[in-house]
Structure formats: structure tokens, C-alpha cells
Amino acid sequence: MIIKKKKPTFHRQRSQFFKRLKKLGWRRPRGKDSKQKRKMKASGYRVEIGYGQPKTIRYLHPSGFKDVRVFNINDLKGLDNKVHAVRIGSSVGKKKRAEIAKKAGEMKLKMLNK
């Protein structure tokens, strides 16, 4: 089984010094003398091509299923319980949510948000 490889957390350059900058809001370093741009040792990790996932497991849920958003019962047609996992949309009401959950249970689909 292919396991997603762990990636480092990519911090924005010098974000630890300013409250107004988010730690995990990545921005590419652009300064002329930037240590992070020049890839110096203790300047933090940069987002680079080598950290990507293999195409076979890209966009998969950690459980190994393809995440499918569902807004009505018709969206459940054609889904396979060995490949797909269902996530009900946030705008769906209580009544329709219960119907979708019941139908997904009959189809033996994995529910990601009950």
C-alpha cells in the first residue's frame, strides 16, 4: 500500500517576528538578499517540486477513499463503496441530510461527516 510521505511545515519567511503574518500562510521569498531564497541552512523549508505526492494517491482522503461531496440523493448514483467516501455538503438541511445518510448506509458507503 502506498503511504503519503510526510512533508515539513512550510513557514512564511520571517513570520515568527510579526504578529500580523500567519505562520502557515506560505509566500515565496522574493528579496534580493533573502536567506530563505538562497536556501541557507536555518532559514526554513521552501515549497519545491520534490515534496509532491505520487499521482495515484493525490487528492485522496487519509482513509484511502476518494472524497465526494453530495448535495442530494441523485449524487449517490454511480458511487462505489470500495473507492468513494461521501461527505454531505454544508448547505444541506437536516431532513435531506438524514435521507442521504440512510441511502448511503444502504449502499454501504463510508460517511466522512455524519
Protein backbone atom coordinates (compact mmCIF):
# COMPACT_ATOMS: atom_id res chain seq x y z
CA MET A 1 0.00 0.00 0.00
CA ILE A 2 1.31 3.42 -0.93
CA ILE A 3 1.57 5.76 2.05
CA LYS A 4 1.57 9.50 1.71
CA LYS A 5 5.02 10.79 2.59
CA LYS A 6 5.32 13.32 5.37
CA LYS A 7 6.08 16.89 4.40
CA PRO A 8 7.67 19.58 6.56
CA THR A 9 5.58 22.58 7.58
CA PHE A 10 6.33 25.45 5.26
CA HIS A 11 6.51 28.74 7.16
CA ARG A 12 6.37 32.18 5.62
CA GLN A 13 9.73 33.97 5.71
CA ARG A 14 10.34 35.86 9.00
CA SER A 15 6.73 35.24 10.12
CA GLN A 16 7.92 34.49 13.65
CA PHE A 17 8.82 38.17 14.12
CA PHE A 18 5.48 39.70 13.15
CA LYS A 19 2.07 39.01 14.70
CA ARG A 20 0.28 40.20 11.56
CA LEU A 21 1.84 37.43 9.42
CA LYS A 22 0.35 33.96 9.58
CA LYS A 23 2.83 31.18 10.32
CA LEU A 24 1.49 28.74 7.75
CA GLY A 25 0.49 31.24 5.06
CA TRP A 26 3.21 30.34 2.54
CA ARG A 27 4.56 33.12 0.31
CA ARG A 28 7.53 32.71 -2.00
CA PRO A 29 10.61 34.60 -0.73
CA ARG A 30 11.39 37.42 -3.19
CA GLY A 31 14.03 39.58 -1.51
CA LYS A 32 17.40 40.14 -3.14
CA ASP A 33 19.34 39.17 -0.02
CA SER A 34 16.79 36.70 1.38
CA LYS A 35 18.40 33.81 3.24
CA GLN A 36 15.43 31.57 2.56
CA LYS A 37 15.57 32.34 -1.17
CA ARG A 38 19.28 31.48 -1.23
CA LYS A 39 18.49 28.18 0.60
CA MET A 40 20.73 28.83 3.58
CA LYS A 41 20.63 26.30 6.40
CA ALA A 42 18.47 27.54 9.28
CA SER A 43 16.08 29.60 7.16
CA GLY A 44 13.22 27.08 6.93
CA TYR A 45 11.92 24.76 4.23
CA ARG A 46 10.80 26.04 0.83
CA VAL A 47 7.96 24.65 -1.23
CA GLU A 48 9.58 22.67 -4.04
CA ILE A 49 8.60 20.06 -6.63
CA GLY A 50 10.19 17.16 -4.75
CA TYR A 51 7.63 17.33 -1.93
CA GLY A 52 4.71 16.32 -4.22
CA GLN A 53 2.71 13.10 -3.86
CA PRO A 54 2.54 10.30 -6.46
CA LYS A 55 -0.37 10.75 -8.89
CA THR A 56 -2.02 7.51 -7.75
CA ILE A 57 -2.67 8.82 -4.23
CA ARG A 58 -3.05 12.54 -4.90
CA TYR A 59 -6.31 14.11 -3.59
CA LEU A 60 -7.22 11.02 -1.56
CA HIS A 61 -8.69 11.20 1.94
CA PRO A 62 -6.32 9.84 4.64
CA SER A 63 -8.58 6.78 4.86
CA GLY A 64 -7.64 5.93 1.24
CA PHE A 65 -11.01 6.78 -0.34
CA LYS A 66 -11.86 9.43 -2.94
CA ASP A 67 -13.74 12.23 -1.19
CA VAL A 68 -17.08 13.01 -2.92
CA ARG A 69 -19.31 15.91 -1.86
CA VAL A 70 -23.02 15.12 -2.01
CA PHE A 71 -25.91 17.61 -2.04
CA ASN A 72 -28.84 15.31 -2.90
CA ILE A 73 -29.69 11.63 -3.27
CA ASN A 74 -29.08 11.65 -7.03
CA ASP A 75 -25.40 12.43 -6.39
CA LEU A 76 -25.03 8.97 -4.79
CA LYS A 77 -25.74 7.21 -8.10
CA GLY A 78 -22.70 5.57 -9.64
CA LEU A 79 -20.56 5.63 -6.48
CA ASP A 80 -18.59 2.54 -5.47
CA ASN A 81 -18.24 1.72 -1.77
CA LYS A 82 -14.70 0.38 -2.31
CA VAL A 83 -13.44 3.58 -3.95
CA HIS A 84 -15.58 6.53 -2.80
CA ALA A 85 -16.35 8.11 0.57
CA VAL A 86 -19.26 10.54 0.96
CA ARG A 87 -19.17 14.00 2.52
CA ILE A 88 -22.52 15.80 2.77
CA GLY A 89 -22.40 19.47 1.74
CA SER A 90 -22.69 22.09 4.49
CA SER A 91 -25.70 23.79 2.87
CA VAL A 92 -27.84 20.61 3.07
CA GLY A 93 -30.64 20.75 5.65
CA LYS A 94 -31.43 18.29 8.43
CA LYS A 95 -34.25 16.47 6.61
CA LYS A 96 -32.35 15.85 3.37
CA ARG A 97 -29.15 15.07 5.32
CA ALA A 98 -30.99 12.23 7.10
CA GLU A 99 -32.27 10.85 3.76
CA ILE A 100 -28.79 10.95 2.23
CA ALA A 101 -27.27 9.24 5.29
CA LYS A 102 -29.92 6.50 5.15
CA LYS A 103 -29.37 5.87 1.43
CA ALA A 104 -25.57 5.89 1.86
CA GLY A 105 -25.93 3.35 4.67
CA GLU A 106 -27.93 1.07 2.38
CA MET A 107 -25.22 1.38 -0.29
CA LYS A 108 -22.56 0.72 2.41
CA LEU A 109 -20.71 3.95 1.57
CA LYS A 110 -18.31 5.42 4.13
CA MET A 111 -19.62 8.71 5.59
CA LEU A 112 -16.95 11.31 6.41
CA ASN A 113 -19.30 13.71 8.24
CA LYS A 114 -22.35 12.25 9.93
